[in-house]
Amino acid sequence: MESDYVTTPFGRRPMTLAMLLKQRRGEAIAAETTRSKWKLFRSVCEARAGLDVSDRALTVLDALLSFYPEDELSSEKGLVVFPSNAQLSLRARGMAAATLRRHLAVLIEAGLISRKDSPNGKRYARRGRGGGIDEAYGFSLAPLLARAGEIEVMAARIAADRQMLRAMKERLTIYRRDTAKLISAAVEEAVAGDCERVSSMFHSILDRIPRAATIETLTPVLEDLETLRTDIVNLLELHAKMQMASTSESRIERHIQNSHTESLSESEPRLETGAGQAGRDPQPGTKPHDDGPKAQTRGREGSRLAVWPRVCELKSFPLATVLQACPDIMDYGPGGKVDSWRDLMTAAIVVRSMLAVSPSAYEAASRVMGPESAATVMACILQRGECINSAGGYLRDLTRRAERSEFALGPMLIALLRAKSPAVSRAGT
């Protein structure tokens, strides 16, 4: 632990209340707190925007950490490093002395390090007879260790927001492509409606896309694009059904026969699938062959009309269902709770680090399954932690199965719900 007395700055630098509060916060380290200094530094880099530090300041922090002899920062050991300006400049990629002092001040202002000045302002350590350090003067890393939990949560939230923003940009690209091509299809098919007005609405929505997109600015744009796309699909489906009905009525009239008036072939249109069956009348008393909604009908002179495909969305599971099946994940959300998908993805990144799942494995799962599904899988892995030897290997295996369309979230969630509720288990048997 760091000493409890207050250190004032050397020379003409004044002592302020803010400096006193930062020193006290740096001393407030829970007992037995340890962190890998390089993993913690990676979290600081991830949370750079939230900590308001520059990349050059992080270069200086990297150099300071390299002077700490142990791999783990520990509250039970000394956390003061005491490099000279010349040594620190060399490890900071040859940074000039004036620039070095400026970025050290940025790190102190951000509450990541603090000064512990000696009586003469020099940085050094006094060793005892056993060779250990009795007293050291320089820069203390205690504030960094004290804020480790806060920094990790901030980094996880920023990483989750970045993944969500990337997924939203991908959806935006798909919606733009779909909507533009659907409008072109409506114009070519001469669909009843004001296509010019729809095209104008589409371009007005695109004009609202900002250059520097954020989750908050993209969300309403995506909602409007999805609504417009759905409206055009419904309009095209209605147009296709009306043409099918018109074609079917003309074919029914051609197929009516004087005998066998109760035959199904006289009351139902026949759906032909082969070119050789075009124009062939159904046999009396036989049921016409129906190939389902994907069949194609032939009008007069062999013209063909394809039925518009149905738009099917993948089955999704509500957030409440995921939390009911995997309640342990809520302890790792911001403030110990999960109120949204963003909170769930933030908690999943914290759990990923805790279970030693590599970032590459989680990014691959997010790319294949989607950010929400990958976060749900991490929640399931946490819930079944005692049954899984290697969380990272298990996640990679599920990702490979998902690429082959051999994995679904439903059975995994249902199994967890049955394990928690005997009533659900009896209902499913």
Protein backbone atom coordinates (compact mmCIF):
# COMPACT_ATOMS: atom_id res chain seq x y z
CA MET A 1 0.00 0.00 0.00
CA GLU A 2 1.05 3.60 -0.57
CA SER A 3 1.80 5.71 2.44
CA ASP A 4 -1.11 7.66 3.85
CA TYR A 5 0.54 11.03 4.24
CA VAL A 6 -0.12 13.78 1.74
CA THR A 7 2.68 14.73 -0.63
CA THR A 8 2.83 18.27 -1.92
CA PRO A 9 4.45 19.21 -5.24
CA PHE A 10 8.07 20.29 -5.38
CA GLY A 11 9.09 23.78 -6.40
CA ARG A 12 6.63 26.50 -7.37
CA ARG A 13 3.74 24.19 -8.24
CA PRO A 14 0.89 24.97 -5.81
CA MET A 15 -1.15 22.44 -3.86
CA THR A 16 -4.85 22.34 -4.76
CA LEU A 17 -7.92 20.65 -3.37
CA ALA A 18 -8.26 18.62 -6.58
CA MET A 19 -4.72 17.27 -6.13
CA LEU A 20 -5.55 16.28 -2.55
CA LEU A 21 -8.73 14.45 -3.61
CA LYS A 22 -6.89 12.61 -6.40
CA GLN A 23 -4.21 11.49 -3.95
CA ARG A 24 -6.84 10.14 -1.58
CA ARG A 25 -8.62 8.33 -4.41
CA GLY A 26 -5.32 6.77 -5.46
CA GLU A 27 -4.79 5.49 -1.94
CA ALA A 28 -8.30 3.94 -1.78
CA ILE A 29 -7.27 0.55 -3.17
CA ALA A 30 -9.10 -2.54 -1.92
CA ALA A 31 -6.94 -5.10 -0.18
CA GLU A 32 -5.38 -7.79 -2.40
CA THR A 33 -6.27 -5.86 -5.56
CA THR A 34 -4.11 -6.96 -8.49
CA ARG A 35 -4.22 -6.42 -12.24
CA SER A 36 -2.00 -7.41 -15.13
CA LYS A 37 -0.40 -4.11 -16.05
CA TRP A 38 -0.56 -4.76 -19.80
CA LYS A 39 -4.17 -5.96 -19.78
CA LEU A 40 -5.09 -2.89 -17.74
CA PHE A 41 -3.16 -0.71 -20.19
CA ARG A 42 -5.14 -2.23 -23.05
CA SER A 43 -8.36 -1.32 -21.23
CA VAL A 44 -7.05 2.25 -20.81
CA CYS A 45 -6.39 2.39 -24.57
CA GLU A 46 -9.92 1.11 -25.25
CA ALA A 47 -11.42 3.69 -22.90
CA ARG A 48 -9.20 6.54 -24.14
CA ALA A 49 -12.09 8.69 -25.33
CA GLY A 50 -13.89 8.39 -22.00
CA LEU A 51 -10.73 9.18 -20.01
CA ASP A 52 -9.93 12.22 -22.19
CA VAL A 53 -6.29 11.32 -22.85
CA SER A 54 -4.41 11.47 -26.15
CA ASP A 55 -2.51 8.70 -27.87
CA ARG A 56 0.78 10.49 -27.06
CA ALA A 57 -0.14 10.50 -23.38
CA LEU A 58 -0.76 6.74 -23.63
CA THR A 59 2.74 6.35 -25.08
CA VAL A 60 4.11 7.99 -21.91
CA LEU A 61 1.95 5.72 -19.71
CA ASP A 62 3.24 2.70 -21.63
CA ALA A 63 6.81 3.84 -20.91
CA LEU A 64 6.06 4.32 -17.21
CA LEU A 65 4.56 0.84 -16.92
CA SER A 66 7.67 -0.65 -18.50
CA PHE A 67 9.69 0.60 -15.52
CA TYR A 68 7.49 -1.33 -13.08
CA PRO A 69 9.41 -4.59 -12.47
CA GLU A 70 6.47 -6.95 -11.93
CA ASP A 71 3.88 -8.08 -14.48
CA GLU A 72 1.05 -7.48 -12.02
CA LEU A 73 0.22 -4.23 -10.28
CA SER A 74 -0.44 -5.06 -6.64
CA SER A 75 -1.65 -2.97 -3.74
CA GLU A 76 0.68 -4.97 -1.49
CA LYS A 77 3.80 -3.80 -3.34
CA GLY A 78 5.28 -0.42 -4.07
CA LEU A 79 3.61 1.29 -7.00
CA VAL A 80 6.12 4.10 -7.52
CA VAL A 81 8.40 4.17 -10.57
CA PHE A 82 11.33 6.58 -10.66
CA PRO A 83 12.88 6.83 -14.15
CA SER A 84 14.94 9.84 -15.12
CA ASN A 85 13.70 12.11 -17.87
CA ALA A 86 16.38 10.74 -20.22
CA GLN A 87 15.35 7.11 -19.62
CA LEU A 88 11.66 7.94 -19.87
CA SER A 89 12.22 9.83 -23.13
CA LEU A 90 14.02 6.85 -24.67
CA ARG A 91 11.18 4.45 -23.85
CA ALA A 92 8.63 7.01 -25.03
CA ARG A 93 9.97 6.71 -28.59
CA GLY A 94 12.40 9.61 -28.20
CA MET A 95 9.79 12.14 -27.08
CA ALA A 96 11.14 15.63 -26.41
CA ALA A 97 11.48 16.70 -22.77
CA ALA A 98 8.92 19.52 -23.04
CA THR A 99 6.40 17.22 -24.75
CA LEU A 100 7.08 14.56 -22.12
CA ARG A 101 6.29 16.97 -19.27
CA ARG A 102 3.09 18.10 -20.99
CA HIS A 103 1.76 14.55 -21.40
CA LEU A 104 2.75 13.59 -17.86
CA ALA A 105 0.58 16.49 -16.69
CA VAL A 106 -2.28 15.13 -18.85
CA LEU A 107 -2.00 11.69 -17.19
CA ILE A 108 -2.00 13.30 -13.74
CA GLU A 109 -4.99 15.49 -14.62
CA ALA A 110 -6.85 12.41 -15.91
CA GLY A 111 -6.29 10.66 -12.56
CA LEU A 112 -4.20 7.79 -13.95
CA ILE A 113 -0.94 8.57 -12.12
CA SER A 114 0.16 10.90 -9.34
CA ARG A 115 3.41 12.55 -8.32
CA LYS A 116 5.38 11.62 -5.25
CA ASP A 117 8.09 14.26 -5.11
CA SER A 118 11.27 13.92 -3.08
CA PRO A 119 12.70 16.73 -0.92
CA ASN A 120 14.90 17.94 -3.79
CA GLY A 121 12.47 17.09 -6.64
CA LYS A 122 14.61 14.23 -7.97
CA ARG A 123 13.31 10.74 -8.68
CA TYR A 124 15.09 7.97 -6.83
CA ALA A 125 14.64 5.05 -4.45
CA ARG A 126 16.29 4.38 -1.10
CA ARG A 127 17.07 0.71 -0.50
CA GLY A 128 17.40 -1.11 2.80
CA ARG A 129 20.08 -3.56 3.90
CA GLY A 130 18.23 -6.49 2.34
CA GLY A 131 18.22 -4.82 -1.07
CA GLY A 132 14.50 -4.01 -1.00
CA ILE A 133 13.12 -0.54 -1.62
CA ASP A 134 12.30 1.29 1.59
CA GLU A 135 11.20 4.56 0.03
CA ALA A 136 10.74 5.67 -3.58
CA TYR A 137 10.06 9.05 -5.14
CA GLY A 138 8.71 9.52 -8.66
CA PHE A 139 5.36 8.69 -10.26
CA SER A 140 2.82 6.54 -8.44
CA LEU A 141 0.67 4.05 -10.39
CA ALA A 142 -1.73 3.70 -7.46
CA PRO A 143 -4.50 5.81 -9.10
CA LEU A 144 -4.43 3.53 -12.15
CA LEU A 145 -4.88 0.42 -9.99
CA ALA A 146 -7.55 2.11 -7.85
CA ARG A 147 -9.64 2.88 -10.97
CA ALA A 148 -9.08 -0.51 -12.63
CA GLY A 149 -12.69 -1.66 -12.26
CA GLU A 150 -14.08 1.64 -13.52
CA ILE A 151 -11.72 1.65 -16.51
CA GLU A 152 -12.57 -1.95 -17.46
CA VAL A 153 -16.31 -1.26 -17.39
CA MET A 154 -15.80 1.89 -19.45
CA ALA A 155 -13.70 -0.03 -21.97
CA ALA A 156 -16.29 -2.80 -22.21
CA ARG A 157 -19.08 -0.29 -22.85
CA ILE A 158 -17.09 1.51 -25.55
CA ALA A 159 -16.25 -1.82 -27.22
CA ALA A 160 -19.92 -2.86 -27.10
CA ASP A 161 -20.99 0.49 -28.60
CA ARG A 162 -18.42 0.09 -31.36
CA GLN A 163 -19.71 -3.38 -32.23
CA MET A 164 -23.30 -2.18 -32.21
CA LEU A 165 -22.41 0.80 -34.42
CA ARG A 166 -20.66 -1.50 -36.89
CA ALA A 167 -23.71 -3.77 -37.00
CA MET A 168 -25.99 -0.76 -37.51
CA LYS A 169 -23.86 0.48 -40.41
CA GLU A 170 -24.08 -2.96 -42.03
CA ARG A 171 -27.88 -2.95 -41.64
CA LEU A 172 -27.99 0.58 -43.07
CA THR A 173 -26.10 -0.57 -46.18
CA ILE A 174 -28.47 -3.51 -46.68
CA TYR A 175 -31.58 -1.37 -46.14
CA ARG A 176 -30.35 1.23 -48.66
CA ARG A 177 -29.67 -1.45 -51.26
CA ASP A 178 -32.96 -3.27 -50.65
CA THR A 179 -35.08 -0.13 -50.71
CA ALA A 180 -33.49 1.26 -53.88
CA LYS A 181 -33.95 -2.01 -55.78
CA LEU A 182 -37.50 -2.53 -54.48
CA ILE A 183 -38.47 0.97 -55.68
CA SER A 184 -36.97 0.17 -59.10
CA ALA A 185 -38.96 -3.07 -59.20
CA ALA A 186 -42.16 -1.20 -58.33
CA VAL A 187 -41.56 1.27 -61.16
CA GLU A 188 -40.85 -1.49 -63.70
CA GLU A 189 -43.93 -3.47 -62.68
CA ALA A 190 -46.11 -0.35 -62.86
CA VAL A 191 -47.36 -0.90 -59.31
CA ALA A 192 -50.32 1.26 -58.37
CA GLY A 193 -49.12 4.06 -56.12
CA ASP A 194 -47.10 7.25 -56.07
CA CYS A 195 -43.61 5.88 -56.74
CA GLU A 196 -42.18 9.37 -57.12
CA ARG A 197 -43.31 10.29 -53.61
CA VAL A 198 -41.82 7.07 -52.21
CA SER A 199 -38.53 7.75 -54.00
CA SER A 200 -38.52 11.30 -52.62
CA MET A 201 -39.07 9.97 -49.09
CA PHE A 202 -36.23 7.51 -49.58
CA HIS A 203 -33.78 10.23 -50.63
CA SER A 204 -34.87 12.52 -47.78
CA ILE A 205 -34.09 9.73 -45.30
CA LEU A 206 -30.66 9.20 -46.87
CA ASP A 207 -29.93 12.93 -46.57
CA ARG A 208 -30.30 12.58 -42.77
CA ILE A 209 -27.35 10.17 -42.51
CA PRO A 210 -24.56 12.12 -40.75
CA ARG A 211 -20.91 12.01 -41.75
CA ALA A 212 -19.83 11.02 -38.23
CA ALA A 213 -22.47 8.42 -37.44
CA THR A 214 -23.32 7.49 -33.87
CA ILE A 215 -25.77 5.02 -32.37
CA GLU A 216 -28.11 7.86 -31.40
CA THR A 217 -28.15 9.46 -34.86
CA LEU A 218 -28.42 6.21 -36.84
CA THR A 219 -31.26 4.64 -34.82
CA PRO A 220 -34.12 6.85 -36.18
CA VAL A 221 -32.71 6.63 -39.73
CA LEU A 222 -32.68 2.83 -39.57
CA GLU A 223 -36.23 2.73 -38.20
CA ASP A 224 -37.55 4.96 -41.00
CA LEU A 225 -35.70 2.98 -43.69
CA GLU A 226 -37.02 -0.32 -42.32
CA THR A 227 -40.57 1.03 -42.27
CA LEU A 228 -40.27 2.29 -45.85
CA ARG A 229 -38.79 -1.00 -47.04
CA THR A 230 -41.60 -2.97 -45.37
CA ASP A 231 -44.24 -0.74 -46.97
CA ILE A 232 -42.75 -1.27 -50.45
CA VAL A 233 -42.55 -5.05 -49.93
CA ASN A 234 -46.19 -5.13 -48.85
CA LEU A 235 -47.17 -3.06 -51.88
CA LEU A 236 -45.33 -5.39 -54.26
CA GLU A 237 -46.84 -8.47 -52.59
CA LEU A 238 -50.33 -7.01 -52.95
CA HIS A 239 -49.64 -6.21 -56.62
CA ALA A 240 -48.40 -9.78 -57.23
CA LYS A 241 -51.45 -11.31 -55.53
CA MET A 242 -53.84 -9.17 -57.57
CA GLN A 243 -52.16 -10.27 -60.81
CA MET A 244 -52.27 -13.91 -59.65
CA ALA A 245 -55.98 -13.58 -58.89
CA SER A 246 -56.64 -12.06 -62.31
CA THR A 247 -54.67 -14.78 -64.10
CA SER A 248 -56.33 -17.54 -62.06
CA GLU A 249 -59.82 -16.28 -62.90
CA SER A 250 -59.08 -16.33 -66.65
CA ARG A 251 -57.68 -19.86 -66.41
CA ILE A 252 -60.66 -21.09 -64.41
CA GLU A 253 -62.96 -19.89 -67.16
CA ARG A 254 -60.95 -21.84 -69.77
CA HIS A 255 -61.01 -25.04 -67.69
CA ILE A 256 -64.73 -25.20 -66.92
CA GLN A 257 -66.28 -28.35 -68.41
CA ASN A 258 -69.92 -29.34 -68.84
CA SER A 259 -69.49 -32.74 -67.16
CA HIS A 260 -68.08 -33.56 -63.74
CA THR A 261 -69.27 -30.27 -62.32
CA GLU A 262 -68.17 -31.28 -58.84
CA SER A 263 -64.58 -31.89 -59.92
CA LEU A 264 -61.95 -29.94 -58.03
CA SER A 265 -60.36 -28.95 -61.31
CA GLU A 266 -63.35 -26.74 -62.08
CA SER A 267 -63.37 -24.86 -58.80
CA GLU A 268 -59.64 -24.41 -58.18
CA PRO A 269 -56.90 -22.99 -60.43
CA ARG A 270 -54.21 -25.45 -61.38
CA LEU A 271 -50.56 -24.53 -60.65
CA GLU A 272 -48.30 -25.87 -63.38
CA THR A 273 -44.60 -26.54 -62.74
CA GLY A 274 -43.37 -27.93 -66.04
CA ALA A 275 -43.16 -26.36 -69.47
CA GLY A 276 -44.74 -29.44 -71.02
CA GLN A 277 -47.91 -29.02 -68.94
CA ALA A 278 -48.75 -25.57 -70.22
CA GLY A 279 -52.27 -25.39 -71.58
CA ARG A 280 -53.04 -29.07 -70.68
CA ASP A 281 -56.52 -29.51 -69.14
CA PRO A 282 -56.79 -31.42 -65.84
CA GLN A 283 -58.36 -34.84 -65.87
CA PRO A 284 -61.92 -34.93 -64.59
CA GLY A 285 -62.23 -36.02 -60.98
CA THR A 286 -58.54 -35.57 -60.21
CA LYS A 287 -57.03 -33.05 -57.77
CA PRO A 288 -54.69 -30.56 -59.41
CA HIS A 289 -51.03 -30.71 -58.33
CA ASP A 290 -50.03 -27.82 -56.05
CA ASP A 291 -46.38 -27.02 -55.52
CA GLY A 292 -47.04 -24.47 -52.77
CA PRO A 293 -46.36 -20.72 -52.65
CA LYS A 294 -43.21 -21.01 -54.81
CA ALA A 295 -45.14 -22.37 -57.81
CA GLN A 296 -45.47 -20.27 -60.97
CA THR A 297 -48.61 -19.78 -63.01
CA ARG A 298 -48.88 -19.50 -66.78
CA GLY A 299 -51.25 -17.07 -68.40
CA ARG A 300 -52.37 -17.00 -72.01
CA GLU A 301 -49.70 -17.41 -74.70
CA GLY A 302 -47.37 -19.05 -72.11
CA SER A 303 -46.59 -15.87 -70.19
CA ARG A 304 -45.17 -16.50 -66.72
CA LEU A 305 -45.87 -14.69 -63.42
CA ALA A 306 -43.69 -15.45 -60.40
CA VAL A 307 -45.31 -15.24 -57.01
CA TRP A 308 -43.58 -12.57 -54.87
CA PRO A 309 -41.53 -14.28 -52.13
CA ARG A 310 -42.53 -13.86 -48.54
CA VAL A 311 -40.16 -11.87 -46.35
CA CYS A 312 -39.24 -14.11 -43.41
CA GLU A 313 -37.31 -12.79 -40.45
CA LEU A 314 -35.15 -14.99 -38.29
CA LYS A 315 -36.68 -15.85 -34.97
CA SER A 316 -35.34 -13.63 -32.21
CA PHE A 317 -35.64 -14.02 -28.45
CA PRO A 318 -36.72 -11.15 -26.18
CA LEU A 319 -34.16 -9.74 -23.79
CA ALA A 320 -36.40 -10.75 -20.87
CA THR A 321 -36.26 -14.39 -21.97
CA VAL A 322 -32.46 -14.29 -22.20
CA LEU A 323 -32.18 -12.77 -18.71
CA GLN A 324 -34.66 -15.30 -17.31
CA ALA A 325 -32.55 -18.15 -18.66
CA CYS A 326 -29.18 -16.52 -17.77
CA PRO A 327 -29.66 -14.33 -14.68
CA ASP A 328 -25.95 -14.44 -13.70
CA ILE A 329 -25.02 -12.07 -16.55
CA MET A 330 -26.89 -9.20 -14.86
CA ASP A 331 -24.20 -8.94 -12.16
CA TYR A 332 -21.71 -7.81 -14.80
CA GLY A 333 -23.84 -5.12 -16.44
CA PRO A 334 -23.35 -1.39 -15.81
CA GLY A 335 -24.36 -0.75 -12.22
CA GLY A 336 -25.07 -4.45 -11.68
CA LYS A 337 -28.10 -4.57 -13.98
CA VAL A 338 -29.01 -5.17 -17.62
CA ASP A 339 -31.81 -2.99 -19.00
CA SER A 340 -31.06 -3.10 -22.74
CA TRP A 341 -29.21 -5.06 -25.41
CA ARG A 342 -26.36 -2.55 -25.14
CA ASP A 343 -26.03 -3.34 -21.43
CA LEU A 344 -26.03 -7.07 -22.24
CA MET A 345 -23.23 -6.65 -24.81
CA THR A 346 -21.24 -4.58 -22.30
CA ALA A 347 -21.64 -7.31 -19.69
CA ALA A 348 -20.70 -9.97 -22.25
CA ILE A 349 -17.37 -8.27 -22.96
CA VAL A 350 -16.60 -8.12 -19.22
CA VAL A 351 -17.49 -11.83 -18.91
CA ARG A 352 -15.39 -12.63 -21.98
CA SER A 353 -12.33 -11.13 -20.30
CA MET A 354 -13.14 -12.89 -17.03
CA LEU A 355 -13.48 -16.31 -18.71
CA ALA A 356 -10.24 -15.79 -20.69
CA VAL A 357 -12.00 -15.83 -24.06
CA SER A 358 -9.71 -14.17 -26.60
CA PRO A 359 -10.94 -10.99 -28.32
CA SER A 360 -10.52 -12.65 -31.72
CA ALA A 361 -12.86 -15.52 -30.73
CA TYR A 362 -15.54 -13.11 -29.53
CA GLU A 363 -15.20 -10.86 -32.59
CA ALA A 364 -15.57 -13.91 -34.86
CA ALA A 365 -18.71 -14.95 -32.99
CA SER A 366 -20.14 -11.41 -33.27
CA ARG A 367 -19.39 -11.34 -36.99
CA VAL A 368 -21.03 -14.73 -37.66
CA MET A 369 -23.93 -14.70 -35.18
CA GLY A 370 -24.48 -10.96 -34.78
CA PRO A 371 -23.62 -8.84 -31.69
CA GLU A 372 -26.85 -9.62 -29.80
CA SER A 373 -26.63 -13.37 -30.40
CA ALA A 374 -22.94 -13.46 -29.47
CA ALA A 375 -23.73 -11.66 -26.21
CA THR A 376 -26.54 -14.16 -25.55
CA VAL A 377 -24.14 -17.07 -26.11
CA MET A 378 -21.66 -15.55 -23.63
CA ALA A 379 -24.49 -15.27 -21.09
CA CYS A 380 -25.31 -18.97 -21.62
CA ILE A 381 -21.64 -19.95 -21.26
CA LEU A 382 -21.44 -18.01 -17.98
CA GLN A 383 -24.62 -19.68 -16.72
CA ARG A 384 -23.20 -23.14 -17.52
CA GLY A 385 -19.68 -22.27 -16.40
CA GLU A 386 -19.19 -25.32 -14.19
CA CYS A 387 -19.93 -27.64 -17.13
CA ILE A 388 -17.51 -25.99 -19.62
CA ASN A 389 -13.77 -26.57 -19.39
CA SER A 390 -12.66 -24.03 -22.01
CA ALA A 391 -15.05 -21.15 -22.67
CA GLY A 392 -12.96 -19.89 -25.60
CA GLY A 393 -12.82 -23.27 -27.32
CA TYR A 394 -16.54 -23.81 -26.78
CA LEU A 395 -17.35 -20.40 -28.28
CA ARG A 396 -15.17 -21.08 -31.35
CA ASP A 397 -16.90 -24.45 -31.83
CA LEU A 398 -20.33 -22.79 -31.68
CA THR A 399 -19.15 -20.16 -34.17
CA ARG A 400 -18.04 -22.84 -36.64
CA ARG A 401 -21.38 -24.62 -36.23
CA ALA A 402 -23.23 -21.35 -36.78
CA GLU A 403 -21.32 -20.82 -40.03
CA ARG A 404 -22.61 -24.21 -41.21
CA SER A 405 -26.16 -23.36 -40.03
CA GLU A 406 -25.93 -26.17 -37.47
CA PHE A 407 -26.45 -24.04 -34.36
CA ALA A 408 -29.50 -22.24 -32.97
CA LEU A 409 -29.98 -20.32 -29.73
CA GLY A 410 -33.42 -21.73 -29.01
CA PRO A 411 -32.44 -25.17 -27.67
CA MET A 412 -29.69 -23.67 -25.50
CA LEU A 413 -32.04 -21.15 -23.88
CA ILE A 414 -34.83 -23.72 -23.45
CA ALA A 415 -32.41 -26.12 -21.74
CA LEU A 416 -31.38 -23.41 -19.28
CA LEU A 417 -35.02 -22.47 -18.62
CA ARG A 418 -35.91 -26.12 -17.99
CA ALA A 419 -32.97 -26.51 -15.63
CA LYS A 420 -34.22 -23.51 -13.63
CA SER A 421 -37.93 -24.33 -13.64
CA PRO A 422 -39.27 -27.86 -12.95
CA ALA A 423 -42.66 -26.75 -14.24
CA VAL A 424 -41.18 -25.86 -17.63
CA SER A 425 -39.36 -29.18 -17.69
CA ARG A 426 -42.58 -31.13 -17.05
CA ALA A 427 -44.42 -29.12 -19.70
CA GLY A 428 -41.80 -29.95 -22.31
CA THR A 429 -41.84 -33.71 -21.65
